[in-house]
Amino acid sequence: MAARKKKHSFYDFSLVSIIVFMLCFGLVMLYSTTSYEAQLQGVSPTRFLRSHIFGVLLGLLGMFFISLIDYHRWQKWTFIAYLGSMVLILLVLTPLGKSAKGATRWIYIGSLSFQPAEFAKIATILLMAYLIQRNTKHINKIPTMLRILVFIVPIAVLIKVITNNLSSAIIVAGIAVIMIFVATPRYDIFVITAIVGSIAIALFIYKLDWFMQLSDSFRLGRVLAWLDPESDPTDKGFQILQGLYAIGSGGLFGKGLGNSVQKLSFLPESQNDMIFAVICEELGLFGACSVILMFLFMLWRFMVIANNAPDLYGSMLVIGVMAHIAIQVILNIAVVTNTIPNTGITLPFISYGGTSALFVTAEMGLVLNVSRQIKIEY
C-alpha cells in the first residue's frame, strides 16, 4: 500500500534571501553614494545611511508581521485603505504637508515623514485584487474592466493634481492595468490601446516643436532634454549627461566600490533617481547586469507564488506587487539610460528613501503570506 502523502505549508526562503540581499546591497551603495555629500553638508558621513536604515528596519518588521496575517483578512480593509489613501493625499494641503524641491508630496508628523503616494500603491493592489476576485465571471467584458479601472482614476488624479507627482500616478495606473491584463483571457483591447498609444506618442514627438509653441510646460522641457540633452539648458539635460558619463566610464567591471567620480557633486540626485548610474560607474557592466538579474529572479519568484496561490485573490495580490516592482525598476533604469524622458522614480530596495523602503518591504509581507498558504505534497 502506497504511503499517504502529507501536505505541508510552503515558505519561499529564496524570495526572503533575495529581499535581504537587495536591501543590504542598497545600504552599501547608499553609503558609497552619500558619504561625500554628507561631509559637504557638514554632517556625519553616515547621516543618510542611518536615516535609510531606520526605514529598512521598520519595513522588515512590517514584512515579518504582515507575512503572519492571513491575506484574506485584508479584504474587509480594502475600501478603508482606498479611502484612507485619498485622505492622506489631501492632507498634504494641510499644515502637515511640507514642500521640498518645488513639490508638496510629504506629510510630516513630528520628525517622521512619508509620501502618501507610497501608501496609495498598496491600496491600489488591495483594491484591484478584491474587485477582480469579485468580478471573476465577467472580467473578460470591456464594461466590467472599465468599471473596475474607474476606481483607480480618483487616486491617480489626486496624486497628479495635489502632489504634482506624475511618476507615481503612472505607477498606480500601470499596476491596475497590468492586474486587469493578467486576470482577463482577452487581449485585443490591450493590443489596440498599445497601438493607438504608440502612434500618439510618435506623433507627439514628431510635432514637439508645435507643442512647445503652445506651452512652456517643464514636462515638455523634459522631453526636449531627452531628445537632445547636450543642447538643453536646464538641469535635466545636465543630469542626463552626467548619468550617461557615469555609465560609460564604468566599463566592464567598473572603477571599484566607492570610486565613482560623478557622485562627487556632479550627478544630481545620485542617491535617489540616479543611483543605478553610480552602480554602473563603480561596478561596471557586470554590476549593472547583476542587479538586473537579481530583480529578474525576484520577479520569477513572484510568478511562481502567483501561479500556485490558493485562490485568485492571493494570486492577484502577488501580481500587483510584481507589477509595482517591475514598473518601477524598468522606468528607473530607462530614465538613467535616457531611454525615456526624465521623471522622478526611485530604484526599489536600493535608492535612498526611508518611506519607499518601508512600504516596498511591507509589500513583500503580502507575497510571503500568500506563499505560506501554498500547500505542497511529499
Protein backbone atom coordinates (compact mmCIF):
# COMPACT_ATOMS: atom_id res chain seq x y z
CA MET A 1 0.00 0.00 0.00
CA ALA A 2 1.42 3.37 -1.06
CA ALA A 3 2.34 5.75 1.71
CA ARG A 4 -0.13 8.57 2.20
CA LYS A 5 1.25 11.90 1.11
CA LYS A 6 1.18 14.74 3.61
CA LYS A 7 0.52 18.38 2.79
CA HIS A 8 2.95 20.92 4.16
CA SER A 9 2.96 24.69 4.05
CA PHE A 10 5.38 26.30 1.61
CA TYR A 11 7.52 29.29 2.55
CA ASP A 12 9.61 30.99 -0.11
CA PHE A 13 13.00 31.34 1.56
CA SER A 14 14.51 32.11 -1.85
CA LEU A 15 12.42 35.29 -2.01
CA VAL A 16 13.34 36.21 1.57
CA SER A 17 17.02 35.76 0.73
CA ILE A 18 16.90 37.99 -2.34
CA ILE A 19 14.94 40.67 -0.46
CA VAL A 20 17.50 40.78 2.37
CA PHE A 21 20.39 40.70 -0.11
CA MET A 22 18.94 43.57 -2.15
CA LEU A 23 18.37 45.66 0.98
CA CYS A 24 21.95 45.04 2.16
CA PHE A 25 23.33 45.82 -1.28
CA GLY A 26 21.27 49.01 -1.28
CA LEU A 27 22.78 50.06 2.06
CA VAL A 28 26.31 49.51 0.73
CA MET A 29 25.64 51.53 -2.43
CA LEU A 30 23.85 54.22 -0.47
CA TYR A 31 26.80 54.76 1.85
CA SER A 32 29.16 54.79 -1.11
CA THR A 33 26.99 57.38 -2.85
CA THR A 34 26.10 59.71 0.04
CA SER A 35 29.13 59.78 2.34
CA TYR A 36 30.86 62.55 0.36
CA GLU A 37 27.70 64.65 0.06
CA ALA A 38 27.06 64.30 3.79
CA GLN A 39 30.53 65.62 4.58
CA LEU A 40 29.97 68.59 2.28
CA GLN A 41 26.87 69.40 4.31
CA GLY A 42 28.92 69.28 7.48
CA VAL A 43 27.25 66.18 8.93
CA SER A 44 28.39 62.64 9.66
CA PRO A 45 29.24 60.52 6.58
CA THR A 46 26.63 58.01 7.81
CA ARG A 47 23.86 60.62 8.13
CA PHE A 48 21.86 59.42 5.08
CA LEU A 49 22.68 55.77 5.77
CA ARG A 50 21.32 55.89 9.34
CA SER A 51 18.11 57.54 8.17
CA HIS A 52 17.62 54.88 5.50
CA ILE A 53 18.41 52.01 7.87
CA PHE A 54 15.56 53.16 10.12
CA GLY A 55 13.09 52.78 7.24
CA VAL A 56 14.57 49.42 6.23
CA LEU A 57 14.29 48.01 9.76
CA LEU A 58 10.69 49.21 10.10
CA GLY A 59 9.95 47.65 6.71
CA LEU A 60 11.48 44.31 7.68
CA LEU A 61 9.49 44.33 10.91
CA GLY A 62 6.33 45.12 8.95
CA MET A 63 7.17 42.40 6.42
CA PHE A 64 7.51 39.84 9.20
CA PHE A 65 4.20 40.66 10.88
CA ILE A 66 2.24 41.03 7.62
CA SER A 67 3.58 37.65 6.47
CA LEU A 68 1.93 36.11 9.55
CA ILE A 69 -1.52 37.65 8.90
CA ASP A 70 -3.86 35.66 6.67
CA TYR A 71 -4.06 37.74 3.49
CA HIS A 72 -7.83 37.11 3.25
CA ARG A 73 -8.28 39.40 6.27
CA TRP A 74 -7.20 42.37 4.19
CA GLN A 75 -10.39 42.13 2.11
CA LYS A 76 -12.52 43.82 4.78
CA TRP A 77 -9.98 46.66 4.99
CA THR A 78 -9.85 47.23 1.23
CA PHE A 79 -12.15 50.23 0.92
CA ILE A 80 -10.86 51.73 4.17
CA ALA A 81 -7.36 51.63 2.67
CA TYR A 82 -8.74 53.02 -0.62
CA LEU A 83 -10.47 55.98 1.04
CA GLY A 84 -7.62 56.41 3.51
CA SER A 85 -5.10 56.77 0.69
CA MET A 86 -7.10 59.63 -0.81
CA VAL A 87 -7.46 61.33 2.58
CA LEU A 88 -3.70 61.08 3.13
CA ILE A 89 -3.05 62.65 -0.27
CA LEU A 90 -5.36 65.54 0.61
CA LEU A 91 -3.54 66.01 3.91
CA VAL A 92 -0.50 67.38 2.06
CA LEU A 93 -2.61 70.54 1.59
CA THR A 94 -2.83 70.97 5.37
CA PRO A 95 -0.10 72.20 7.73
CA LEU A 96 1.06 68.57 7.91
CA GLY A 97 2.22 68.80 4.31
CA LYS A 98 5.67 70.10 3.53
CA SER A 99 7.28 71.24 0.30
CA ALA A 100 10.68 70.05 -0.86
CA LYS A 101 12.41 70.73 -4.17
CA GLY A 102 9.39 72.56 -5.54
CA ALA A 103 6.78 69.90 -4.77
CA THR A 104 4.50 69.21 -1.82
CA ARG A 105 4.46 65.43 -1.57
CA TRP A 106 5.30 64.65 2.04
CA ILE A 107 3.36 64.53 5.30
CA TYR A 108 5.35 65.37 8.41
CA ILE A 109 4.29 64.13 11.83
CA GLY A 110 6.94 65.32 14.24
CA SER A 111 10.30 64.12 12.99
CA LEU A 112 8.71 61.38 10.87
CA SER A 113 7.69 61.90 7.25
CA PHE A 114 6.24 59.81 4.44
CA GLN A 115 4.78 60.15 0.97
CA PRO A 116 1.05 59.29 0.74
CA ALA A 117 1.66 58.10 -2.82
CA GLU A 118 3.55 55.09 -1.45
CA PHE A 119 0.55 54.03 0.61
CA ALA A 120 -1.69 54.62 -2.41
CA LYS A 121 0.25 51.97 -4.35
CA ILE A 122 -0.53 49.33 -1.69
CA ALA A 123 -4.16 50.47 -1.55
CA THR A 124 -4.37 50.07 -5.34
CA ILE A 125 -3.07 46.50 -5.15
CA LEU A 126 -5.57 45.57 -2.41
CA LEU A 127 -8.48 47.21 -4.23
CA MET A 128 -7.75 45.70 -7.64
CA ALA A 129 -7.28 42.20 -6.20
CA TYR A 130 -10.60 42.49 -4.34
CA LEU A 131 -12.55 43.83 -7.34
CA ILE A 132 -11.10 41.28 -9.77
CA GLN A 133 -11.92 38.45 -7.38
CA ARG A 134 -15.50 39.73 -7.03
CA ASN A 135 -15.99 40.05 -10.81
CA THR A 136 -14.28 36.87 -11.99
CA LYS A 137 -17.16 35.67 -14.17
CA HIS A 138 -17.41 38.90 -16.17
CA ILE A 139 -13.79 40.09 -16.13
CA ASN A 140 -13.46 39.40 -19.88
CA LYS A 141 -16.15 42.01 -20.69
CA ILE A 142 -15.00 45.52 -21.51
CA PRO A 143 -17.70 47.25 -19.37
CA THR A 144 -16.54 45.23 -16.35
CA MET A 145 -12.89 46.12 -16.98
CA LEU A 146 -13.76 49.81 -17.27
CA ARG A 147 -15.96 49.68 -14.18
CA ILE A 148 -13.06 48.27 -12.18
CA LEU A 149 -10.46 50.64 -13.61
CA VAL A 150 -12.61 53.70 -12.89
CA PHE A 151 -11.97 53.16 -9.17
CA ILE A 152 -8.29 53.93 -9.76
CA VAL A 153 -8.94 57.24 -11.51
CA PRO A 154 -9.53 59.28 -8.29
CA ILE A 155 -6.29 58.07 -6.71
CA ALA A 156 -4.21 58.70 -9.85
CA VAL A 157 -5.78 62.13 -10.40
CA LEU A 158 -5.26 63.19 -6.78
CA ILE A 159 -1.62 62.11 -6.87
CA LYS A 160 -1.05 64.09 -10.07
CA VAL A 161 -3.06 67.21 -9.18
CA ILE A 162 -2.45 67.52 -5.43
CA THR A 163 1.17 66.33 -5.19
CA ASN A 164 2.20 67.00 -8.80
CA ASN A 165 3.74 63.52 -8.86
CA LEU A 166 3.15 62.22 -12.38
CA SER A 167 5.51 59.26 -11.99
CA SER A 168 3.59 57.83 -9.00
CA ALA A 169 0.29 58.39 -10.83
CA ILE A 170 1.67 56.43 -13.80
CA ILE A 171 2.79 53.60 -11.50
CA VAL A 172 -0.65 53.41 -9.83
CA ALA A 173 -2.39 53.31 -13.21
CA GLY A 174 0.15 50.79 -14.52
CA ILE A 175 -0.43 48.44 -11.57
CA ALA A 176 -4.18 48.47 -12.22
CA VAL A 177 -3.85 47.87 -15.96
CA ILE A 178 -1.37 45.01 -15.56
CA MET A 179 -3.57 43.29 -12.96
CA ILE A 180 -6.57 43.52 -15.31
CA PHE A 181 -4.40 42.31 -18.21
CA VAL A 182 -3.31 39.22 -16.28
CA ALA A 183 -6.82 38.47 -14.99
CA THR A 184 -8.67 38.64 -18.32
CA PRO A 185 -8.38 35.99 -21.06
CA ARG A 186 -8.84 38.54 -23.84
CA TYR A 187 -6.02 40.78 -25.00
CA ASP A 188 -7.49 42.54 -28.05
CA ILE A 189 -8.41 45.71 -26.17
CA PHE A 190 -4.87 45.97 -24.76
CA VAL A 191 -3.25 45.41 -28.15
CA ILE A 192 -5.44 48.10 -29.73
CA THR A 193 -4.72 50.52 -26.88
CA ALA A 194 -0.97 49.88 -27.16
CA ILE A 195 -1.02 50.54 -30.92
CA VAL A 196 -3.03 53.75 -30.55
CA GLY A 197 -0.82 54.90 -27.69
CA SER A 198 2.37 54.24 -29.66
CA ILE A 199 1.05 56.22 -32.63
CA ALA A 200 0.04 59.10 -30.35
CA ILE A 201 3.50 59.19 -28.73
CA ALA A 202 5.21 59.10 -32.13
CA LEU A 203 3.05 62.00 -33.37
CA PHE A 204 3.73 63.94 -30.18
CA ILE A 205 7.49 63.60 -30.60
CA TYR A 206 7.25 64.42 -34.32
CA LYS A 207 5.25 67.60 -33.58
CA LEU A 208 7.12 68.51 -30.41
CA ASP A 209 8.12 71.95 -31.74
CA TRP A 210 4.43 72.77 -32.30
CA PHE A 211 3.55 71.68 -28.76
CA MET A 212 6.42 73.77 -27.36
CA GLN A 213 4.90 76.86 -29.01
CA LEU A 214 1.58 76.19 -27.27
CA SER A 215 3.04 75.57 -23.84
CA ASP A 216 6.27 76.10 -21.92
CA SER A 217 5.47 73.24 -19.52
CA PHE A 218 8.50 71.83 -17.74
CA ARG A 219 7.34 68.35 -18.78
CA LEU A 220 7.73 69.33 -22.42
CA GLY A 221 11.15 70.60 -21.43
CA ARG A 222 11.99 67.14 -20.10
CA VAL A 223 11.04 65.63 -23.44
CA LEU A 224 13.30 68.15 -25.17
CA ALA A 225 16.13 67.28 -22.78
CA TRP A 226 15.58 63.60 -23.51
CA LEU A 227 15.80 64.11 -27.28
CA ASP A 228 18.88 66.35 -27.15
CA PRO A 229 20.42 66.62 -23.67
CA GLU A 230 23.54 68.43 -24.92
CA SER A 231 21.56 71.41 -26.23
CA ASP A 232 19.12 71.54 -23.31
CA PRO A 233 19.86 74.48 -20.99
CA THR A 234 18.02 73.06 -17.98
CA ASP A 235 19.40 70.94 -15.15
CA LYS A 236 17.58 67.91 -16.58
CA GLY A 237 19.83 67.85 -19.63
CA PHE A 238 22.83 68.19 -17.32
CA GLN A 239 21.62 65.31 -15.13
CA ILE A 240 21.09 63.04 -18.14
CA LEU A 241 24.58 63.75 -19.48
CA GLN A 242 26.26 63.20 -16.11
CA GLY A 243 24.39 59.91 -15.72
CA LEU A 244 25.49 58.76 -19.17
CA TYR A 245 29.09 59.79 -18.38
CA ALA A 246 28.92 57.64 -15.25
CA ILE A 247 27.56 54.65 -17.17
CA GLY A 248 30.09 54.98 -19.98
CA SER A 249 33.11 55.42 -17.72
CA GLY A 250 32.33 52.27 -15.71
CA GLY A 251 33.49 49.89 -18.40
CA LEU A 252 33.15 46.15 -17.88
CA PHE A 253 33.98 45.86 -14.18
CA GLY A 254 33.80 49.48 -13.02
CA LYS A 255 36.17 51.77 -11.16
CA GLY A 256 35.71 49.94 -7.88
CA LEU A 257 33.29 50.35 -4.99
CA GLY A 258 33.45 53.90 -3.63
CA ASN A 259 35.49 55.25 -6.56
CA SER A 260 32.73 57.00 -8.52
CA VAL A 261 33.66 60.47 -9.75
CA GLN A 262 30.20 61.57 -10.87
CA LYS A 263 28.75 61.25 -7.37
CA LEU A 264 31.17 63.97 -6.18
CA SER A 265 28.58 66.73 -6.69
CA PHE A 266 28.47 66.24 -10.48
CA LEU A 267 25.43 63.95 -10.73
CA PRO A 268 22.22 65.46 -9.27
CA GLU A 269 20.07 63.09 -7.17
CA SER A 270 22.78 60.43 -7.30
CA GLN A 271 21.39 58.75 -4.17
CA ASN A 272 17.79 58.72 -5.42
CA ASP A 273 16.73 58.51 -9.05
CA MET A 274 20.25 58.14 -10.47
CA ILE A 275 21.81 55.57 -8.14
CA PHE A 276 21.85 52.99 -10.95
CA ALA A 277 24.31 55.23 -12.80
CA VAL A 278 26.64 55.13 -9.77
CA ILE A 279 26.31 51.32 -9.73
CA CYS A 280 27.33 51.25 -13.39
CA GLU A 281 30.33 53.52 -12.74
CA GLU A 282 31.61 51.71 -9.67
CA LEU A 283 30.74 48.11 -10.56
CA GLY A 284 30.63 48.36 -14.35
CA LEU A 285 28.51 46.42 -16.78
CA PHE A 286 28.99 43.32 -14.66
CA GLY A 287 27.46 45.00 -11.60
CA ALA A 288 24.60 46.54 -13.59
CA CYS A 289 23.69 43.20 -15.16
CA SER A 290 23.92 41.52 -11.75
CA VAL A 291 21.41 43.99 -10.30
CA ILE A 292 19.04 43.42 -13.22
CA LEU A 293 19.36 39.64 -12.82
CA MET A 294 18.57 39.93 -9.11
CA PHE A 295 15.38 41.82 -9.92
CA LEU A 296 14.50 39.23 -12.59
CA PHE A 297 15.00 36.46 -10.04
CA MET A 298 12.69 38.29 -7.64
CA LEU A 299 10.01 38.68 -10.33
CA TRP A 300 10.34 34.99 -11.20
CA ARG A 301 9.67 34.05 -7.55
CA PHE A 302 6.60 36.29 -7.65
CA MET A 303 5.36 34.43 -10.72
CA VAL A 304 5.91 31.04 -9.06
CA ILE A 305 3.94 32.12 -5.99
CA ALA A 306 1.16 33.70 -8.07
CA ASN A 307 0.77 30.56 -10.21
CA ASN A 308 0.48 28.35 -7.12
CA ALA A 309 -1.59 30.66 -4.91
CA PRO A 310 -4.57 29.01 -3.18
CA ASP A 311 -7.10 31.35 -4.84
CA LEU A 312 -7.49 34.19 -7.34
CA TYR A 313 -7.37 36.87 -4.64
CA GLY A 314 -3.97 35.71 -3.41
CA SER A 315 -2.69 35.39 -6.95
CA MET A 316 -3.80 38.95 -7.80
CA LEU A 317 -2.13 40.36 -4.68
CA VAL A 318 1.18 38.87 -5.79
CA ILE A 319 0.65 40.05 -9.39
CA GLY A 320 0.01 43.57 -8.08
CA VAL A 321 3.25 43.61 -6.11
CA MET A 322 5.10 42.13 -9.08
CA ALA A 323 3.66 44.83 -11.36
CA HIS A 324 4.72 47.57 -8.92
CA ILE A 325 8.32 46.36 -8.67
CA ALA A 326 8.62 45.66 -12.41
CA ILE A 327 7.23 49.06 -13.48
CA GLN A 328 9.43 50.97 -11.06
CA VAL A 329 12.62 49.09 -11.98
CA ILE A 330 12.01 49.37 -15.73
CA LEU A 331 11.18 53.09 -15.58
CA ASN A 332 14.12 53.92 -13.32
CA ILE A 333 16.67 52.13 -15.49
CA ALA A 334 15.06 53.58 -18.64
CA VAL A 335 15.39 57.11 -17.24
CA VAL A 336 19.02 56.62 -16.17
CA THR A 337 19.96 55.28 -19.61
CA ASN A 338 17.94 58.08 -21.31
CA THR A 339 15.62 55.57 -22.97
CA ILE A 340 12.61 57.63 -21.83
CA PRO A 341 12.23 61.26 -20.66
CA ASN A 342 13.40 62.06 -17.14
CA THR A 343 10.91 61.51 -14.32
CA GLY A 344 11.50 61.04 -10.63
CA ILE A 345 11.31 57.31 -9.96
CA THR A 346 13.47 55.53 -7.40
CA LEU A 347 15.05 52.09 -7.74
CA PRO A 348 13.28 49.74 -5.27
CA PHE A 349 15.36 48.43 -2.33
CA ILE A 350 18.40 50.46 -3.40
CA SER A 351 17.60 54.18 -3.77
CA TYR A 352 17.63 56.46 -0.73
CA GLY A 353 14.28 56.96 0.97
CA GLY A 354 13.00 55.51 4.22
CA THR A 355 9.36 55.79 3.12
CA SER A 356 9.95 53.88 -0.10
CA ALA A 357 11.98 51.20 1.70
CA LEU A 358 9.31 50.85 4.39
CA PHE A 359 6.34 50.41 2.08
CA VAL A 360 8.02 48.28 -0.60
CA THR A 361 9.39 45.91 2.06
CA ALA A 362 6.00 45.74 3.75
CA GLU A 363 4.51 44.72 0.38
CA MET A 364 6.82 41.72 0.44
CA GLY A 365 4.96 40.58 3.56
CA LEU A 366 1.79 40.17 1.47
CA VAL A 367 3.65 37.99 -1.04
CA LEU A 368 5.26 35.88 1.69
CA ASN A 369 1.90 35.32 3.38
CA VAL A 370 0.43 34.05 0.12
CA SER A 371 3.43 31.75 -0.23
CA ARG A 372 2.89 30.41 3.31
CA GLN A 373 -0.61 29.23 2.36
CA ILE A 374 0.56 27.19 -0.61
CA LYS A 375 0.32 23.50 0.22
CA ILE A 376 2.81 21.04 -1.24
CA GLU A 377 2.68 17.26 -1.04
CA TYR A 378 5.64 14.99 -0.36
